[in-house]
Protein backbone atom coordinates (compact mmCIF):
# COMPACT_ATOMS: atom_id res chain seq x y z
CA UNK A 1 85.10 58.63 354.42
CA UNK A 2 81.76 57.08 354.06
CA UNK A 3 80.22 56.27 350.68
CA UNK A 4 77.61 58.95 351.17
CA UNK A 5 80.24 61.57 351.85
CA UNK A 6 82.22 60.47 348.81
CA UNK A 7 79.16 60.84 346.55
CA UNK A 8 78.46 64.32 347.94
CA UNK A 9 82.03 65.40 347.20
CA UNK A 10 81.78 64.11 343.62
CA UNK A 11 78.53 66.00 343.07
CA UNK A 12 79.97 69.23 344.46
CA UNK A 13 83.11 69.01 342.34
CA UNK A 14 83.44 71.25 339.27
CA UNK A 15 84.02 68.94 336.32
CA UNK A 16 84.28 71.69 333.69
CA UNK A 17 88.08 71.50 333.53
CA UNK A 18 88.07 67.72 332.93
CA UNK A 19 85.05 67.60 330.57
CA UNK A 20 86.99 67.68 327.31
CA UNK A 21 89.29 64.89 328.44
CA UNK A 22 86.49 62.43 329.15
CA UNK A 23 85.99 59.58 326.58
CA UNK A 24 82.96 59.55 324.32
CA UNK A 25 80.05 57.70 325.88
CA UNK A 26 78.89 54.65 323.87
CA UNK A 27 75.47 54.97 322.18
CA UNK A 28 72.64 53.64 324.24
CA UNK A 29 71.02 51.99 321.17
CA UNK A 30 72.87 50.67 318.12
CA UNK A 31 70.77 52.24 315.41
CA UNK A 32 72.47 50.38 312.56
CA UNK A 33 71.56 46.84 313.42
CA UNK A 34 70.32 45.85 309.95
CA UNK A 35 70.67 47.00 306.39
CA UNK A 36 68.41 46.16 303.42
CA UNK A 37 69.25 44.81 299.99
CA UNK A 38 66.60 44.85 297.26
CA UNK A 39 66.93 42.21 294.52
CA UNK A 40 64.95 42.07 291.28
CA UNK A 41 64.02 38.41 290.85
CA UNK A 42 62.20 36.65 287.98
CA UNK A 43 58.73 35.59 289.06
CA UNK A 44 59.43 31.88 288.50
CA UNK A 45 62.45 32.08 290.81
CA UNK A 46 60.38 33.62 293.60
CA UNK A 47 57.71 30.97 293.13
CA UNK A 48 60.34 28.23 293.38
CA UNK A 49 61.94 29.91 296.42
CA UNK A 50 58.61 30.05 298.25
CA UNK A 51 57.87 26.41 297.35
CA UNK A 52 61.18 25.18 298.74
CA UNK A 53 60.77 27.31 301.87
CA UNK A 54 57.28 25.85 302.39
CA UNK A 55 58.64 22.29 302.08
CA UNK A 56 61.39 23.10 304.59
CA UNK A 57 58.94 24.99 306.89
CA UNK A 58 61.14 28.10 306.82
CA UNK A 59 60.44 31.78 306.01
CA UNK A 60 61.56 32.33 302.44
CA UNK A 61 63.26 35.63 303.32
CA UNK A 62 65.38 33.88 305.93
CA UNK A 63 66.20 31.03 303.53
CA UNK A 64 67.34 33.42 300.81
CA UNK A 65 69.41 35.38 303.35
CA UNK A 66 71.12 32.22 304.59
CA UNK A 67 72.10 31.27 301.03
CA UNK A 68 73.74 34.70 300.54
CA UNK A 69 75.65 34.29 303.79
CA UNK A 70 76.71 30.77 302.77
CA UNK A 71 77.95 32.06 299.42
CA UNK A 72 79.83 34.90 301.06
CA UNK A 73 81.39 32.54 303.58
CA UNK A 74 82.58 30.20 300.82
CA UNK A 75 84.15 33.15 298.96
CA UNK A 76 83.35 31.32 295.69
CA UNK A 77 81.34 32.26 292.67
CA UNK A 78 78.35 30.00 291.83
CA UNK A 79 79.34 26.92 289.84
CA UNK A 80 77.06 27.85 286.97
CA UNK A 81 75.55 31.24 286.42
CA UNK A 82 71.89 31.30 285.51
CA UNK A 83 71.29 33.52 282.54
CA UNK A 84 68.20 35.64 283.07
CA UNK A 85 66.63 37.53 280.17
CA UNK A 86 66.16 41.25 280.62
CA UNK A 87 62.43 40.93 280.02
CA UNK A 88 62.14 38.32 282.80
CA UNK A 89 63.87 40.70 285.23
CA UNK A 90 61.76 43.62 284.09
CA UNK A 91 58.59 41.61 284.62
CA UNK A 92 59.90 40.17 287.88
CA UNK A 93 59.27 41.15 291.48
CA UNK A 94 61.33 42.69 294.24
CA UNK A 95 62.78 40.58 297.01
CA UNK A 96 63.68 42.77 300.01
CA UNK A 97 66.15 41.16 302.43
CA UNK A 98 67.47 42.54 305.72
CA UNK A 99 71.17 41.84 306.27
CA UNK A 100 73.55 42.67 309.08
CA UNK A 101 75.74 45.63 308.09
CA UNK A 102 78.87 43.48 308.25
CA UNK A 103 77.29 40.98 305.83
CA UNK A 104 76.32 43.68 303.38
CA UNK A 105 79.75 45.31 303.66
CA UNK A 106 81.37 41.92 303.07
CA UNK A 107 79.16 41.28 300.07
CA UNK A 108 80.10 44.64 298.51
CA UNK A 109 83.79 44.02 299.18
CA UNK A 110 83.70 40.57 297.59
CA UNK A 111 81.74 41.86 294.58
CA UNK A 112 84.34 44.57 294.07
CA UNK A 113 87.14 41.96 294.23
CA UNK A 114 85.52 39.66 291.64
CA UNK A 115 84.20 42.52 289.49
CA UNK A 116 80.57 41.52 289.69
CA UNK A 117 77.60 43.71 290.81
CA UNK A 118 76.70 42.68 294.32
CA UNK A 119 72.95 42.50 293.50
CA UNK A 120 73.73 40.07 290.65
CA UNK A 121 76.09 38.07 292.87
CA UNK A 122 73.46 37.69 295.57
CA UNK A 123 70.83 36.64 293.03
CA UNK A 124 73.12 34.02 291.51
CA UNK A 125 73.90 32.55 294.94
CA UNK A 126 70.17 32.27 295.58
CA UNK A 127 69.53 30.67 292.17
CA UNK A 128 72.42 28.22 292.57
CA UNK A 129 71.25 27.17 296.05
CA UNK A 130 67.71 26.86 294.73
CA UNK A 131 68.90 24.53 291.96
CA UNK A 132 70.67 22.35 294.57
CA UNK A 133 67.60 22.25 296.80
CA UNK A 134 65.32 21.31 293.91
CA UNK A 135 67.69 18.53 292.86
CA UNK A 136 67.71 17.21 296.42
CA UNK A 137 63.91 17.32 296.64
CA UNK A 138 63.62 15.57 293.27
CA UNK A 139 65.82 12.77 294.57
CA UNK A 140 63.77 12.44 297.75
CA UNK A 141 60.46 12.05 295.97
CA UNK A 142 59.64 10.82 292.50
CA UNK A 143 57.62 12.96 290.12
CA UNK A 144 54.70 10.60 290.53
CA UNK A 145 54.18 11.98 294.06
CA UNK A 146 53.58 15.46 292.62
CA UNK A 147 50.03 16.09 291.53
CA UNK A 148 49.86 19.09 289.19
CA UNK A 149 46.56 20.94 289.27
CA UNK A 150 44.27 20.58 286.25
CA UNK A 151 45.11 24.14 285.18
CA UNK A 152 48.85 23.39 285.23
CA UNK A 153 48.33 20.13 283.39
CA UNK A 154 46.31 21.91 280.67
CA UNK A 155 48.91 24.64 280.25
CA UNK A 156 51.72 22.10 279.89
CA UNK A 157 49.64 19.96 277.50
CA UNK A 158 48.91 22.94 275.22
CA UNK A 159 52.59 23.86 275.39
CA UNK A 160 53.72 20.42 274.21
CA UNK A 161 53.82 19.91 270.43
CA UNK A 162 51.70 17.11 268.99
CA UNK A 163 52.82 14.52 266.41
CA UNK A 164 52.30 16.98 263.56
CA UNK A 165 54.33 19.67 265.31
CA UNK A 166 51.43 21.94 266.23
CA UNK A 167 50.27 22.46 269.81
CA UNK A 168 46.62 23.45 269.25
CA UNK A 169 43.85 21.03 270.23
CA UNK A 170 40.60 21.02 268.25
CA UNK A 171 37.45 20.27 270.25
CA UNK A 172 36.67 19.91 273.92
CA UNK A 173 36.22 16.11 273.56
CA UNK A 174 39.78 15.68 272.37
CA UNK A 175 40.98 18.02 275.12
CA UNK A 176 39.09 15.94 277.69
CA UNK A 177 40.52 12.65 276.43
CA UNK A 178 44.14 13.90 276.26
CA UNK A 179 43.96 15.35 279.75
CA UNK A 180 42.46 12.03 280.95
CA UNK A 181 45.38 10.10 279.44
CA UNK A 182 47.89 12.49 281.07
CA UNK A 183 46.38 12.07 284.52
CA UNK A 184 46.08 8.32 284.22
CA UNK A 185 49.79 8.11 283.45
CA UNK A 186 51.06 10.84 285.81
CA UNK A 187 48.78 10.85 288.85
CA UNK A 188 45.81 8.50 288.57
CA UNK A 189 44.95 8.91 292.26
CA UNK A 190 44.41 12.62 291.73
CA UNK A 191 42.17 12.20 288.71
CA UNK A 192 38.49 13.24 288.96
CA UNK A 193 37.47 11.81 285.58
CA UNK A 194 34.50 9.45 285.49
CA UNK A 195 32.58 7.62 282.75
CA UNK A 196 29.89 9.70 281.04
CA UNK A 197 28.12 10.11 277.69
CA UNK A 198 31.25 10.10 275.58
CA UNK A 199 33.69 8.26 277.80
CA UNK A 200 36.06 9.76 280.42
CA UNK A 201 34.75 13.14 281.52
CA UNK A 202 35.62 15.87 284.04
CA UNK A 203 33.25 18.83 284.25
CA UNK A 204 36.10 21.08 285.40
CA UNK A 205 37.84 20.94 281.99
CA UNK A 206 35.64 23.54 280.23
CA UNK A 207 35.76 25.84 283.27
CA UNK A 208 39.55 25.56 283.42
CA UNK A 209 39.89 26.30 279.73
CA UNK A 210 37.61 29.31 280.07
CA UNK A 211 39.62 30.54 283.04
CA UNK A 212 42.80 30.37 280.94
CA UNK A 213 41.01 32.26 278.18
CA UNK A 214 39.82 34.98 280.56
CA UNK A 215 43.32 35.24 282.03
CA UNK A 216 44.62 35.93 278.52
CA UNK A 217 46.61 32.73 277.99
CA UNK A 218 44.61 31.36 275.03
CA UNK A 219 44.40 32.69 271.51
CA UNK A 220 41.22 34.60 270.82
CA UNK A 221 40.99 35.78 274.43
CA UNK A 222 39.14 39.07 274.80
CA UNK A 223 38.67 41.16 277.89
CA UNK A 224 35.00 41.70 278.60
CA UNK A 225 33.90 45.32 278.85
CA UNK A 226 31.26 44.54 281.49
CA UNK A 227 30.51 41.64 283.85
CA UNK A 228 28.25 38.97 282.34
CA UNK A 229 24.61 39.05 283.17
CA UNK A 230 23.06 36.46 285.43
CA UNK A 231 22.47 33.35 283.24
CA UNK A 232 18.92 32.10 282.75
CA UNK A 233 17.82 28.52 283.33
CA UNK A 234 17.92 27.94 279.57
CA UNK A 235 21.47 29.24 279.40
CA UNK A 236 22.57 26.93 282.17
CA UNK A 237 20.92 23.90 280.49
CA UNK A 238 22.58 24.82 277.22
CA UNK A 239 25.96 24.85 279.03
CA UNK A 240 25.29 21.41 280.53
CA UNK A 241 24.45 20.00 277.11
CA UNK A 242 27.56 21.63 275.60
CA UNK A 243 29.79 20.10 278.24
CA UNK A 244 28.27 16.63 277.94
CA UNK A 245 29.84 15.92 274.58
CA UNK A 246 30.64 16.93 271.01
CA UNK A 247 28.34 19.10 268.95
CA UNK A 248 27.80 19.42 265.26
CA UNK A 249 29.59 22.21 263.45
CA UNK A 250 32.88 23.96 264.01
CA UNK A 251 35.00 22.60 266.87
CA UNK A 252 36.40 25.06 269.42
CA UNK A 253 40.16 25.63 269.24
CA UNK A 254 42.36 25.48 272.32
CA UNK A 255 45.77 27.05 271.73
CA UNK A 256 48.13 29.02 273.90
CA UNK A 257 49.14 32.53 272.86
CA UNK A 258 52.53 34.07 273.61
CA UNK A 259 51.58 34.88 277.22
CA UNK A 260 50.37 31.29 277.68
CA UNK A 261 53.62 29.79 276.37
CA UNK A 262 55.62 32.11 278.63
CA UNK A 263 53.52 30.93 281.62
CA UNK A 264 54.23 27.33 280.66
CA UNK A 265 57.96 28.06 280.42
CA UNK A 266 57.94 29.65 283.87
CA UNK A 267 56.13 26.61 285.27
CA UNK A 268 58.67 24.27 283.68
CA UNK A 269 61.58 26.25 285.16
CA UNK A 270 60.02 26.40 288.63
CA UNK A 271 61.44 22.97 289.55
CA UNK A 272 63.09 19.92 288.04
CA UNK A 273 59.98 17.91 288.93
CA UNK A 274 57.79 20.06 286.66
CA UNK A 275 60.36 19.83 283.87
CA UNK A 276 60.20 16.05 284.22
CA UNK A 277 56.41 16.16 284.13
CA UNK A 278 56.46 18.25 280.99
CA UNK A 279 58.88 15.80 279.29
CA UNK A 280 56.47 12.97 280.14
CA UNK A 281 53.48 14.99 278.82
CA UNK A 282 55.33 15.66 275.56
CA UNK A 283 56.01 11.95 275.15
CA UNK A 284 52.41 11.01 275.93
CA UNK A 285 50.96 13.56 273.53
CA UNK A 286 53.14 12.34 270.66
CA UNK A 287 51.96 8.82 271.44
CA UNK A 288 48.23 9.44 271.97
CA UNK A 289 47.28 12.57 269.99
CA UNK A 290 46.30 10.63 266.86
CA UNK A 291 43.09 10.60 264.71
CA UNK A 292 41.90 7.43 266.50
CA UNK A 293 42.42 8.88 270.00
CA UNK A 294 38.83 8.23 271.10
CA UNK A 295 38.87 4.62 269.99
CA UNK A 296 42.20 3.97 271.70
CA UNK A 297 40.97 5.47 274.96
CA UNK A 298 37.84 3.28 274.88
CA UNK A 299 39.98 0.21 274.29
CA UNK A 300 42.61 1.01 276.94
CA UNK A 301 40.21 2.20 279.66
CA UNK A 302 36.97 0.18 279.34
CA UNK A 303 35.91 1.00 282.94
CA UNK A 304 35.19 4.59 281.80
CA UNK A 305 32.91 3.60 278.94
CA UNK A 306 30.00 1.86 280.68
CA UNK A 307 27.72 4.92 280.43
CA UNK A 308 28.85 5.94 276.96
CA UNK A 309 26.21 6.72 274.34
CA UNK A 310 28.63 5.92 271.50
CA UNK A 311 30.17 2.75 272.93
CA UNK A 312 28.70 0.52 270.20
CA UNK A 313 29.81 2.93 267.40
CA UNK A 314 33.36 2.94 268.77
CA UNK A 315 33.38 -0.84 269.02
CA UNK A 316 32.22 -1.15 265.41
CA UNK A 317 34.97 1.23 264.23
CA UNK A 318 37.59 -0.81 266.07
CA UNK A 319 36.28 -4.01 264.53
CA UNK A 320 36.41 -2.56 261.04
CA UNK A 321 39.93 -1.31 261.67
CA UNK A 322 41.05 -4.79 262.74
CA UNK A 323 39.59 -6.31 259.61
CA UNK A 324 41.66 -4.11 257.31
């Protein structure tokens, strides 16, 4: 019998009798290749996760998924659970991760065995792995290699208590000088301060403070009902004069409100490096935030006083102080 004849016989055969005895055909496409788990994560944890993923040049979803798989493979609970306040979770963001069905089934089975919600278990594995990664990154590079932006530096400075216990800073000149001292000690190469009318000066400081105020992080912040009108030339010149140095009368107050302090706390918790930076800022503020701040800055950093309009006055004050 030829192959053609055999095929013809098979096609002519009545298969109705044998139909019910045939095995089920496998599906052509496995429709359940992945499953999704949605985690509610505090915003500072997501920021830290994305930062670590960027350093490692990996997608942050894949990195978080690998930490869950590692935790499930180890069949161990995290060494130290991270307590997360309910308000942080409520104000957090969703992290949607695709898992293989067997991984999700294994996660649910393990969570049932240890009597822990599987969403919480997955989040704790991510947070524990994130703590290990941050510790490793902190060991690889010192905090001096991290250059916090001026906005971050200002938030942490206003979060740190001064020698008297308060955190508010009176006057843009004092704010300028304290930020200058911080950058000179933490990251002098990243500093954009230069010598001007009243010593070290960075024109970005007032703009950064105003941005924090508009964002609602400073006390006295008010949302504007309408966009500001286009400033006139006189308005712009008045702004230049205001930024150039101190004015007579009441000094502006720079102080974080509750939202600002919460933002500073989130920044501190984002990595061990930022916590180390904040500790250093707190030490520097206690050391430098004194009534004679301006005089001390002029004495310690003479290269930034060459263009100062009050250089002689400061020198006379220092001389009188030495005579006492």
